[in-house]
Protein backbone atom coordinates (compact mmCIF):
# COMPACT_ATOMS: atom_id res chain seq x y z
CA MET A 1 114.98 222.97 100.95
CA ARG A 2 118.55 224.19 101.84
CA LEU A 3 121.03 221.66 102.85
CA THR A 4 124.71 221.26 102.93
CA VAL A 5 127.10 218.19 102.32
CA ILE A 6 130.45 218.52 104.18
CA GLY A 7 132.81 216.03 102.27
CA THR A 8 132.82 216.00 98.65
CA GLY A 9 135.04 212.81 98.01
CA TYR A 10 132.82 209.84 96.44
CA LEU A 11 130.01 209.75 98.84
CA GLY A 12 129.53 213.70 99.24
CA ALA A 13 129.90 214.55 95.69
CA VAL A 14 127.36 212.08 94.56
CA HIS A 15 125.06 212.71 97.47
CA ALA A 16 125.23 216.68 96.88
CA ALA A 17 124.82 216.30 93.01
CA CYS A 18 121.73 213.98 93.64
CA MET A 19 120.02 216.08 96.24
CA ALA A 20 120.33 219.29 93.91
CA ASP A 21 119.01 217.06 91.17
CA ILE A 22 115.53 216.31 93.04
CA GLY A 23 115.14 219.90 93.46
CA HIS A 24 116.99 221.02 97.09
CA GLU A 25 119.44 223.95 97.11
CA VAL A 26 122.89 222.35 98.15
CA LEU A 27 126.07 223.70 99.40
CA GLY A 28 128.85 221.50 99.15
CA VAL A 29 132.00 222.22 101.64
CA ASP A 30 135.43 220.45 101.25
CA THR A 31 138.86 221.36 102.50
CA ASP A 32 140.62 220.86 99.45
CA ALA A 33 139.96 224.11 97.47
CA ARG A 34 141.19 222.56 94.26
CA LYS A 35 138.68 219.78 94.36
CA ALA A 36 135.78 222.24 95.50
CA GLU A 37 136.98 224.36 92.04
CA VAL A 38 136.41 221.16 89.95
CA LEU A 39 133.28 220.51 91.43
CA ALA A 40 131.98 224.04 91.12
CA ALA A 41 133.03 223.82 87.33
CA GLY A 42 130.68 220.70 86.98
CA ARG A 43 133.34 218.08 86.54
CA ALA A 44 133.73 214.99 88.26
CA PRO A 45 137.31 214.41 90.19
CA PHE A 46 136.85 210.59 89.65
CA PHE A 47 135.00 208.43 87.27
CA GLU A 48 131.49 207.60 88.03
CA PRO A 49 128.70 206.78 85.37
CA GLY A 50 126.36 209.45 85.27
CA LEU A 51 127.58 211.89 88.05
CA GLU A 52 129.34 214.43 85.60
CA GLU A 53 126.23 215.14 83.69
CA ILE A 54 124.43 215.69 86.92
CA LEU A 55 127.09 218.07 88.36
CA ALA A 56 126.85 219.87 85.10
CA ARG A 57 123.22 220.41 85.19
CA ASN A 58 122.86 221.68 88.50
CA THR A 59 125.85 223.82 89.04
CA ALA A 60 124.60 225.63 85.64
CA SER A 61 120.92 226.09 86.93
CA GLY A 62 122.78 227.11 90.40
CA ARG A 63 121.01 224.67 92.95
CA LEU A 64 124.31 223.47 93.54
CA ARG A 65 127.44 225.17 94.81
CA PHE A 66 130.61 224.61 96.52
CA THR A 67 133.05 226.28 99.10
CA THR A 68 135.81 225.83 101.70
CA SER A 69 133.97 227.69 104.29
CA LEU A 70 132.31 226.14 107.36
CA ARG A 71 130.89 229.52 108.44
CA GLU A 72 129.42 229.95 105.13
CA ALA A 73 127.72 226.38 105.43
CA ALA A 74 126.60 227.31 108.67
CA ASP A 75 124.82 230.47 107.72
CA PHE A 76 123.41 228.68 104.73
CA ALA A 77 121.46 225.87 105.97
CA ASP A 78 120.07 224.48 109.33
CA LEU A 79 120.30 220.63 107.91
CA HIS A 80 124.25 219.35 107.29
CA PHE A 81 125.03 215.91 105.94
CA VAL A 82 128.40 214.60 107.07
CA CYS A 83 129.92 212.72 104.28
CA VAL A 84 133.56 212.44 105.18
CA GLY A 85 135.99 209.38 105.30
CA THR A 86 136.28 206.96 107.80
CA PRO A 87 139.27 205.15 107.17
CA GLN A 88 141.31 202.00 109.19
CA ARG A 89 143.25 203.44 111.81
CA PRO A 90 147.10 202.52 111.15
CA ASP A 91 147.37 201.26 114.69
CA SER A 92 144.48 198.85 114.79
CA LEU A 93 141.31 197.39 113.06
CA ALA A 94 139.18 200.31 114.34
CA ALA A 95 137.88 203.01 112.31
CA ASP A 96 139.62 206.26 112.51
CA LEU A 97 136.81 208.92 113.31
CA GLY A 98 139.07 212.23 113.34
CA HIS A 99 137.19 213.57 110.27
CA VAL A 100 134.02 213.30 111.32
CA GLU A 101 134.72 214.52 114.65
CA ALA A 102 136.48 217.74 113.03
CA VAL A 103 133.25 218.29 111.45
CA VAL A 104 131.32 218.74 114.48
CA ASP A 105 134.19 220.45 116.53
CA HIS A 106 134.41 223.21 113.74
CA LEU A 107 130.90 223.34 112.58
CA ALA A 108 128.98 223.26 116.01
CA PRO A 109 130.72 226.78 117.35
CA LEU A 110 129.20 228.54 114.11
CA LEU A 111 125.61 227.45 114.31
CA THR A 112 123.38 230.48 114.45
CA ARG A 113 120.23 228.29 114.64
CA ASP A 114 118.86 224.91 115.76
CA SER A 115 120.17 222.72 113.32
CA LEU A 116 120.26 218.91 112.50
CA ILE A 117 123.73 217.13 111.57
CA VAL A 118 122.90 214.13 109.69
CA GLY A 119 126.11 211.63 109.29
CA LYS A 120 126.21 209.36 106.47
CA SER A 121 129.62 207.67 106.81
CA THR A 122 130.30 204.04 107.77
CA VAL A 123 130.57 204.48 111.47
CA PRO A 124 131.02 202.25 114.66
CA VAL A 125 127.47 201.58 116.70
CA GLY A 126 127.80 204.59 119.20
CA THR A 127 128.77 207.07 117.03
CA THR A 128 125.95 209.32 117.23
CA ARG A 129 125.79 209.25 120.92
CA SER A 130 129.56 210.35 121.31
CA LEU A 131 128.94 213.19 118.46
CA SER A 132 125.93 214.54 119.88
CA ARG A 133 127.55 215.34 123.72
CA ARG A 134 130.40 216.46 121.38
CA ALA A 135 127.89 218.94 119.66
CA ALA A 136 126.21 219.97 122.71
CA ALA A 137 129.30 221.16 124.36
CA GLN A 138 130.32 223.43 121.45
CA VAL A 139 126.99 225.06 120.18
CA PRO A 140 126.61 228.77 121.20
CA PRO A 141 124.33 229.24 124.27
CA GLY A 142 120.77 228.88 123.14
CA ILE A 143 121.43 226.67 119.90
CA GLU A 144 120.46 223.24 119.97
CA ALA A 145 122.33 220.79 117.49
CA GLN A 146 121.01 217.34 117.23
CA VAL A 147 122.79 214.37 115.62
CA ALA A 148 121.07 211.78 113.49
CA TRP A 149 122.42 208.92 111.15
CA ASN A 150 121.23 207.98 107.68
CA PRO A 151 123.82 205.59 106.37
CA GLU A 152 124.91 205.23 102.71
CA PHE A 153 124.54 201.95 100.72
CA LEU A 154 126.15 203.18 97.22
CA ARG A 155 127.97 200.84 95.28
CA GLU A 156 130.94 202.36 93.01
CA GLY A 157 129.78 202.14 89.63
CA PHE A 158 125.96 202.45 90.49
CA ALA A 159 126.58 205.53 93.05
CA VAL A 160 124.04 207.59 91.01
CA GLN A 161 121.08 205.03 90.77
CA ASP A 162 121.86 203.93 94.42
CA THR A 163 121.51 207.64 95.69
CA LEU A 164 118.15 208.62 93.25
CA ARG A 165 116.56 205.20 93.50
CA PRO A 166 117.80 203.33 96.59
CA ASP A 167 116.43 199.88 97.70
CA ARG A 168 115.80 201.57 101.18
CA LEU A 169 116.35 204.62 103.22
CA VAL A 170 117.29 203.96 106.92
CA VAL A 171 117.32 206.91 109.40
CA GLY A 172 118.55 206.99 113.05
CA VAL A 173 116.98 209.76 114.98
CA VAL A 174 115.96 210.91 118.57
CA ALA A 175 113.35 213.30 117.90
CA PRO A 176 110.14 213.03 115.53
CA HIS A 177 111.33 216.76 114.11
CA ALA A 178 114.47 215.09 112.85
CA ASP A 179 112.24 212.22 111.37
CA ARG A 180 110.15 214.51 109.56
CA LEU A 181 112.97 216.68 108.08
CA LEU A 182 114.38 213.74 106.80
CA ARG A 183 111.43 212.70 104.94
CA SER A 184 110.90 215.86 103.46
CA VAL A 185 114.46 215.57 102.06
CA TYR A 186 113.49 212.32 100.65
CA GLU A 187 110.14 213.06 99.85
CA PRO A 188 110.40 212.40 95.83
CA MET A 189 112.09 208.73 96.73
CA LEU A 190 109.06 207.99 99.15
CA ARG A 191 106.53 209.02 96.74
CA ALA A 192 108.09 206.52 94.37
CA GLY A 193 107.53 203.72 97.08
CA VAL A 194 110.95 203.53 98.56
CA PRO A 195 111.23 201.93 101.85
CA TYR A 196 111.69 204.07 104.74
CA ILE A 197 113.06 202.51 107.85
CA SER A 198 113.12 205.21 110.81
CA THR A 199 114.64 203.73 114.11
CA ASP A 200 117.21 204.67 117.01
CA PRO A 201 120.76 206.10 115.48
CA ALA A 202 122.39 202.63 116.88
CA THR A 203 120.53 200.37 114.89
CA ALA A 204 120.96 202.73 111.65
CA GLU A 205 124.64 202.80 112.25
CA LEU A 206 124.68 198.90 112.44
CA VAL A 207 122.57 198.47 109.37
CA LYS A 208 125.45 199.63 107.10
CA VAL A 209 128.35 197.36 108.51
CA ALA A 210 125.89 194.51 108.98
CA ALA A 211 125.20 194.46 105.71
CA ASN A 212 128.79 194.90 104.52
CA SER A 213 129.63 192.20 106.74
CA PHE A 214 127.06 190.11 105.29
CA LEU A 215 128.23 190.53 101.96
CA ALA A 216 131.74 189.60 102.71
CA THR A 217 130.80 186.53 104.16
CA LYS A 218 129.03 185.80 100.93
CA ILE A 219 131.62 186.24 98.80
CA SER A 220 134.26 184.71 100.99
CA PHE A 221 131.73 181.55 101.33
CA ILE A 222 131.71 180.81 97.43
CA ASN A 223 135.48 181.73 97.52
CA ALA A 224 136.27 179.15 99.96
CA MET A 225 134.05 176.48 98.07
CA ALA A 226 136.30 177.19 94.61
CA GLU A 227 139.25 176.24 97.09
CA VAL A 228 137.34 172.96 97.95
CA CYS A 229 136.35 172.53 93.98
CA ASP A 230 139.93 172.86 93.27
CA ALA A 231 140.95 170.01 95.51
CA SER A 232 138.15 167.85 94.46
CA GLY A 233 137.72 168.40 90.83
CA ALA A 234 134.15 169.94 91.01
CA ASP A 235 133.33 173.28 89.06
CA VAL A 236 132.34 176.36 91.61
CA VAL A 237 130.36 178.27 88.97
CA THR A 238 127.86 175.17 88.65
CA LEU A 239 128.03 174.79 92.12
CA ALA A 240 127.14 178.56 92.62
CA ASP A 241 124.63 178.33 89.82
CA ALA A 242 122.91 175.19 91.74
CA LEU A 243 122.94 176.94 94.82
CA GLY A 244 121.69 180.20 93.56
CA HIS A 245 118.41 178.56 92.79
CA ASP A 246 117.59 178.46 96.56
CA ALA A 247 115.77 181.27 97.31
CA ARG A 248 116.96 181.46 100.60
CA ILE A 249 120.56 181.86 99.11
CA GLY A 250 120.43 183.78 95.77
CA ARG A 251 122.80 183.90 93.04
CA ARG A 252 123.80 187.53 93.46
CA PHE A 253 127.52 187.95 94.74
CA LEU A 254 127.81 184.21 94.69
CA SER A 255 130.75 184.64 92.29
CA ALA A 256 134.12 182.78 92.91
CA GLY A 257 137.32 184.59 92.00
CA LEU A 258 139.73 187.28 93.33
CA GLY A 259 137.78 188.24 96.36
CA PHE A 260 136.86 191.87 97.39
CA GLY A 261 138.51 195.25 97.87
CA GLY A 262 138.23 198.64 97.63
CA GLY A 263 137.97 201.55 100.31
CA CYS A 264 134.83 200.32 102.53
CA LEU A 265 134.13 196.51 102.42
CA PRO A 266 137.47 195.32 104.12
CA LYS A 267 138.07 198.38 106.54
CA ASP A 268 134.26 198.19 107.51
CA VAL A 269 134.25 194.13 108.24
CA ARG A 270 137.71 195.18 110.22
CA ALA A 271 136.15 198.22 112.21
CA PHE A 272 133.06 195.92 113.01
CA LEU A 273 135.52 193.09 114.37
CA ALA A 274 137.21 196.26 116.66
CA ARG A 275 134.33 197.77 117.75
CA ALA A 276 132.58 194.46 118.84
CA GLU A 277 135.74 193.61 120.69
CA GLU A 278 135.28 197.04 122.56
CA LEU A 279 131.83 195.96 123.42
CA ARG A 280 132.93 192.61 124.78
CA VAL A 281 131.07 190.67 122.17
CA GLY A 282 134.01 189.96 120.08
CA GLU A 283 133.39 186.51 120.17
CA ALA A 284 129.77 186.81 118.35
CA VAL A 285 131.74 188.25 115.09
CA SER A 286 135.02 186.45 115.29
CA PHE A 287 134.13 184.27 112.20
CA LEU A 288 134.68 187.75 110.41
CA ARG A 289 138.40 187.37 110.96
CA GLN A 290 138.35 184.06 108.80
CA ILE A 291 136.39 185.92 106.25
CA ASP A 292 139.02 188.47 106.06
CA ARG A 293 141.63 185.94 105.78
CA ILE A 294 139.82 183.84 103.20
CA ASN A 295 139.54 186.95 100.95
CA ASP A 296 143.38 187.60 101.20
CA ARG A 297 143.97 184.07 100.51
CA GLN A 298 142.15 184.21 97.05
CA ARG A 299 145.16 186.80 96.08
CA ARG A 300 148.15 184.56 97.03
CA ARG A 301 146.19 181.27 95.26
CA THR A 302 145.82 183.77 92.12
CA VAL A 303 149.54 184.49 92.43
CA ASP A 304 150.35 180.82 92.83
CA LEU A 305 148.37 179.56 89.79
CA ALA A 306 150.12 182.17 87.73
CA ARG A 307 153.16 181.38 88.32
CA HIS A 308 152.34 177.45 87.67
CA LEU A 309 151.19 178.56 84.32
CA VAL A 310 154.55 180.07 83.29
CA GLY A 311 156.76 177.48 84.45
CA GLY A 312 157.52 178.21 88.15
CA THR A 313 158.91 181.22 88.12
CA PHE A 314 157.73 184.81 87.17
CA ALA A 315 161.88 185.90 86.37
CA GLY A 316 162.16 187.40 82.84
CA ARG A 317 158.56 186.56 81.86
CA ARG A 318 156.35 188.83 80.34
CA VAL A 319 152.62 189.02 81.92
CA ALA A 320 149.77 191.12 80.53
CA VAL A 321 147.61 192.51 83.18
CA LEU A 322 143.46 193.43 82.28
CA GLY A 323 142.20 195.20 85.38
CA ALA A 324 143.67 197.36 88.16
CA THR A 325 140.72 198.98 89.95
CA PHE A 326 138.97 196.98 92.55
CA LYS A 327 135.76 196.68 90.65
CA PRO A 328 134.58 197.43 87.01
CA ASP A 329 133.19 201.21 86.29
CA SER A 330 135.16 202.61 88.49
CA ASP A 331 138.63 204.27 88.62
CA ASP A 332 139.41 203.19 92.29
CA VAL A 333 142.34 201.37 93.42
CA ARG A 334 142.26 201.53 96.99
CA ASP A 335 142.78 198.06 98.23
CA SER A 336 142.47 196.96 94.93
CA PRO A 337 143.03 192.83 94.58
CA ALA A 338 143.94 193.25 90.74
CA LEU A 339 146.70 195.58 91.90
CA ALA A 340 147.82 193.56 94.85
CA VAL A 341 148.33 190.53 92.47
CA THR A 342 150.28 192.66 90.01
CA ALA A 343 152.23 194.10 92.90
CA GLU A 344 153.47 190.65 93.77
CA ILE A 345 154.40 189.06 90.29
CA LEU A 346 156.39 192.66 89.74
CA ALA A 347 158.21 191.56 92.81
CA GLU A 348 159.03 188.08 91.78
CA GLY A 349 160.61 189.67 88.64
CA ALA A 350 157.81 189.46 85.76
CA ASP A 351 157.80 191.91 82.79
CA VAL A 352 154.29 193.28 83.68
CA GLN A 353 152.38 195.29 81.34
CA VAL A 354 148.90 196.92 82.72
CA HIS A 355 145.65 197.62 81.11
CA ASP A 356 142.64 199.43 82.66
CA PRO A 357 139.72 201.38 80.92
CA GLN A 358 139.56 204.15 83.94
CA GLY A 359 142.01 203.26 86.38
CA ILE A 360 145.53 203.53 85.05
CA ASP A 361 146.61 207.22 86.25
CA ASN A 362 145.37 206.15 90.05
CA ALA A 363 147.12 202.87 89.50
CA ARG A 364 150.13 204.29 88.25
CA THR A 365 150.45 206.63 91.30
CA ALA A 366 149.80 203.78 93.76
CA LEU A 367 152.01 201.20 91.84
CA PRO A 368 154.36 202.87 89.86
CA GLY A 369 156.54 199.87 88.62
CA PRO A 370 154.53 198.07 85.61
CA ALA A 371 154.14 199.79 82.11
CA TYR A 372 150.79 200.95 81.97
CA ARG A 373 149.21 200.53 78.22
CA ALA A 374 145.94 202.61 76.90
CA ASP A 375 145.40 199.76 74.34
CA VAL A 376 144.58 196.42 75.17
CA MET A 377 146.21 194.57 72.24
CA ALA A 378 149.24 196.52 73.01
CA ALA A 379 149.32 195.34 76.61
CA CYS A 380 149.17 192.00 75.78
CA ARG A 381 152.02 191.86 72.80
CA ASP A 382 154.19 189.63 73.39
CA ALA A 383 152.53 188.22 76.59
CA GLU A 384 153.28 184.22 78.14
CA LEU A 385 150.30 184.75 80.39
CA VAL A 386 147.34 187.39 80.21
CA LEU A 387 145.39 187.82 83.82
CA HIS A 388 141.90 188.74 83.98
CA LEU A 389 141.70 190.59 87.22
CA THR A 390 138.83 193.24 86.83
CA GLU A 391 135.62 192.06 85.26
CA TRP A 392 135.08 195.27 82.91
CA ARG A 393 132.82 194.73 79.95
CA GLN A 394 135.39 195.39 77.39
CA TYR A 395 137.16 192.41 78.59
CA ARG A 396 134.56 190.12 78.24
CA ALA A 397 133.69 191.87 75.06
CA LEU A 398 137.43 190.98 73.55
CA ASP A 399 137.96 188.47 70.37
CA PRO A 400 140.13 185.81 71.65
CA ALA A 401 141.33 184.80 68.42
CA GLU A 402 142.38 188.38 67.45
CA LEU A 403 144.03 188.75 70.93
CA ALA A 404 145.69 185.41 70.19
CA THR A 405 147.54 186.83 67.22
CA VAL A 406 149.63 189.28 69.29
CA VAL A 407 150.79 187.19 72.93
CA ARG A 408 153.53 184.95 72.87
CA THR A 409 151.44 181.97 74.50
CA PRO A 410 147.95 181.79 74.29
CA ARG A 411 147.42 181.31 78.31
CA VAL A 412 144.54 183.37 80.15
CA LEU A 413 143.87 183.26 83.98
CA ASP A 414 140.49 184.25 84.39
CA ALA A 415 140.76 185.37 88.13
CA ARG A 416 136.96 186.45 88.15
CA ASN A 417 135.23 183.72 86.22
CA ALA A 418 133.81 186.00 83.87
CA LEU A 419 135.22 185.26 80.33
CA ASP A 420 133.19 183.20 77.99
CA ARG A 421 135.69 180.13 78.58
CA ALA A 422 134.47 177.87 75.58
CA ALA A 423 134.97 180.94 73.21
CA TRP A 424 138.33 181.52 74.45
CA HIS A 425 139.38 177.68 74.64
CA ALA A 426 138.04 177.41 70.94
CA ALA A 427 140.08 180.24 69.77
CA GLY A 428 143.16 178.09 71.02
CA TRP A 429 143.95 179.65 74.72
CA HIS A 430 144.90 177.58 77.68
CA VAL A 431 142.04 178.91 79.82
CA ARG A 432 142.10 178.67 83.77
CA ALA A 433 140.62 179.74 86.68
CA LEU A 434 139.70 179.50 90.54
CA GLY A 435 137.55 176.48 91.31
CA ARG A 436 136.98 175.07 87.71
CA PRO A 437 138.76 172.50 85.73
CA ALA A 438 141.70 173.22 83.57
CA HIS A 439 139.75 171.19 80.87
CA VAL A 440 136.85 172.66 79.21
CA PRO A 441 134.20 170.10 79.10
CA GLN A 442 131.87 169.47 76.43
CA PRO A 443 128.14 168.60 77.45
CA GLY A 444 128.16 165.06 78.96
CA GLN A 445 131.53 164.52 79.32
CA GLY A 446 131.59 164.61 82.94
CA ASP A 447 134.40 164.49 85.55
CA ALA A 448 136.37 161.96 83.81
CA PHE A 449 137.84 164.46 81.59
CA ARG A 450 138.53 167.33 84.41
CA VAL A 451 142.39 168.35 85.14
CA THR A 452 142.23 169.81 88.62
CA MET A 453 144.27 172.14 90.40
CA SER A 454 145.12 169.34 93.21
CA GLN A 455 146.53 167.40 90.26
CA ALA A 456 148.68 169.93 88.90
CA PHE A 457 149.90 171.19 92.36
CA GLY A 458 149.76 168.12 94.48
CA ALA A 459 147.55 167.60 97.43
CA THR A 460 148.22 170.75 99.02
CA GLY A 461 146.37 172.60 96.06
CA THR A 462 149.36 175.13 96.08
CA ALA A 463 152.48 175.05 93.93
CA PRO A 464 155.98 175.67 95.90
CA ARG A 465 156.57 179.26 95.48
CA PRO A 466 159.51 181.57 96.17
CA GLY A 467 159.29 185.70 97.46
CA VAL A 468 157.38 187.13 99.72
CA PRO A 469 153.58 186.43 100.34
CA VAL A 470 151.04 188.52 98.72
CA SER A 471 150.68 191.99 100.66
CA GLY A 472 147.33 191.72 101.43
CA VAL A 473 145.28 194.31 103.25
CA PRO A 474 146.76 195.50 106.81
CA LYS A 475 145.99 192.99 109.36
């Protein structure tokens, strides 16, 4: 089957490559000529495990091509996937639909036969209806353009897997023909037993924002529990393990730490809030405002504890930062909690050395102040504090005894609760983390041996701090 993918950013490039890999003829379209050239050469313009191999294989076979011409796209196929961005508007919490609307505005007049436009971007509920009216007003006489919605559920670092072996496929359609066409597109997945949910467009649009909001709630819930643990002397990791055994709750994404970030989850939660207000049901999802605040507070609490660990001020202190991306297996630093913390300690006068396995170039562009090091040992040399801010596998595999030989003071703040605390402690490190006792207890020692953040910081659980609050995500 012939199809186009309009917008070849993170979502579009992966979708185009994977659709070609399952046998379709695919034409990717982007306004950025340089990006189209890079993709046409079989190279990925960003880091995503497995993507470059699929790009190279399918551009070489001729099943996958790229262009900057929407006219070429209109002539090439009658099925068009729209994968452009929907960022947060600068003047509100709402999503900016300008890119999606521009695709419809420019594509619809070029159509030469009946076509199906399928949105994959994350959009407010009701977008399909408005785009359908927009397309109908601009297609040539005698041409029909239907609009359907097929939300994506990609995880950065696992995007290829999530496209080729998704845990579900959701399509929102208004006509049987559109459903049949999309079943044909995804036939290899359906044959493999992937659940296929065909529904109305509004429900399909809501599935994505509801899923992201639920995930954000789960993450912020355990981070709120971490704050309670710090005040009470409890251990949030053990708490999460115990909660996770309840099948109604589950352990996945119940890990306390620095919180969520990236280009999707924070802005999608806010856009959902904004759309609910427009629909006059804002009270129903008002709890999401607190979810956002909890997430932002984790960044401030990390800075507070780090400042306490270096004696109450960052001025003149060398701090090593392990991780700049918002999550591992990605080079994406958009709304990265790690970079937000780094920016704050830098602003307070620290000498900051940053390492990241894939995100250094993007981090340097977003935050040019720190020194960026390609080697972990170099980043940690003479550090008075090591901050573990992104849970890359490489950091979990570090030898703490070897690392202790290059730092000035063996102190580590594990803001992701991902390091082997006992191993680092045995190697002579002072290990701290949000929601965990300062002492590393041995089996059977119990709470009598625990030193909590509430004891270290006082009843409020926060240290007195100078400077500007962590500049979190826009509110």
